[in-house]
Amino acid sequence: MSAVVFLRAVNVGTANRCRPAAIAKNLSKFEVVNIGAVGTFVVHKETSESVLRAAFARELPFKCEIMICPGRDILKLAAADPFSEYPPDPAITRFVNVLARPVPSLAKPDASLCLPSPSDWLVKVIGIRGRYVLGLYRRDLKAIGLLGKLEKEFGVPATNRNWNTMEKVAQVLQTTA
């Protein structure tokens, strides 16, 4: 089965700059497809997680968290249509935080977590599915900082992706399934 690789904090501002298209080309033996500019890849060749992690780490001129997820997890998430109650809105971004690892049930914050507050939220968690945190954020500069606080709430490294990116990943996975 295919895998999906997410690099954390890549090509954000001036830090941790890399060329994802070049990484995909250099890792062509793994049948890697680059999705966008922030370090999201579909890997079609069945490969162990440790080999894949090492190959991606060698391509990066800096250290970063590398999250590797089974492609079937992303397909299952997309098929569930978790944002069906939240249609696209130009003022709100639908997102998925991919956690480095699942959080034990007892350590999970409430799935209805709102930052800074429920009545005046800029970031709202609408669901938690294993290592995937689903949410909404308002297009406001303060929301970006609050996404970092969300990561601290879960106590594990996380990387944020727009739901549109996750849908694109699912499309790429479906073309080869």
Foldseek 3Di string as FASTA:
>chain_A
DKKKKAWAPDPDDPPQDDAQVVLCVVVCVQVWDDQDHHGIIIGDHDDDPVVVVVSSCVRGPDDTQMAMGHLVVLLVVVVVVLCPVPPDDPFKFKKKKQFSFFFPPVLADDQQDFPPDPVDGQKGFNDDDGRITIIMGGPDPVSVVVVVVVCVSRPTDIHMDTVVSSVVSSVVVVVND
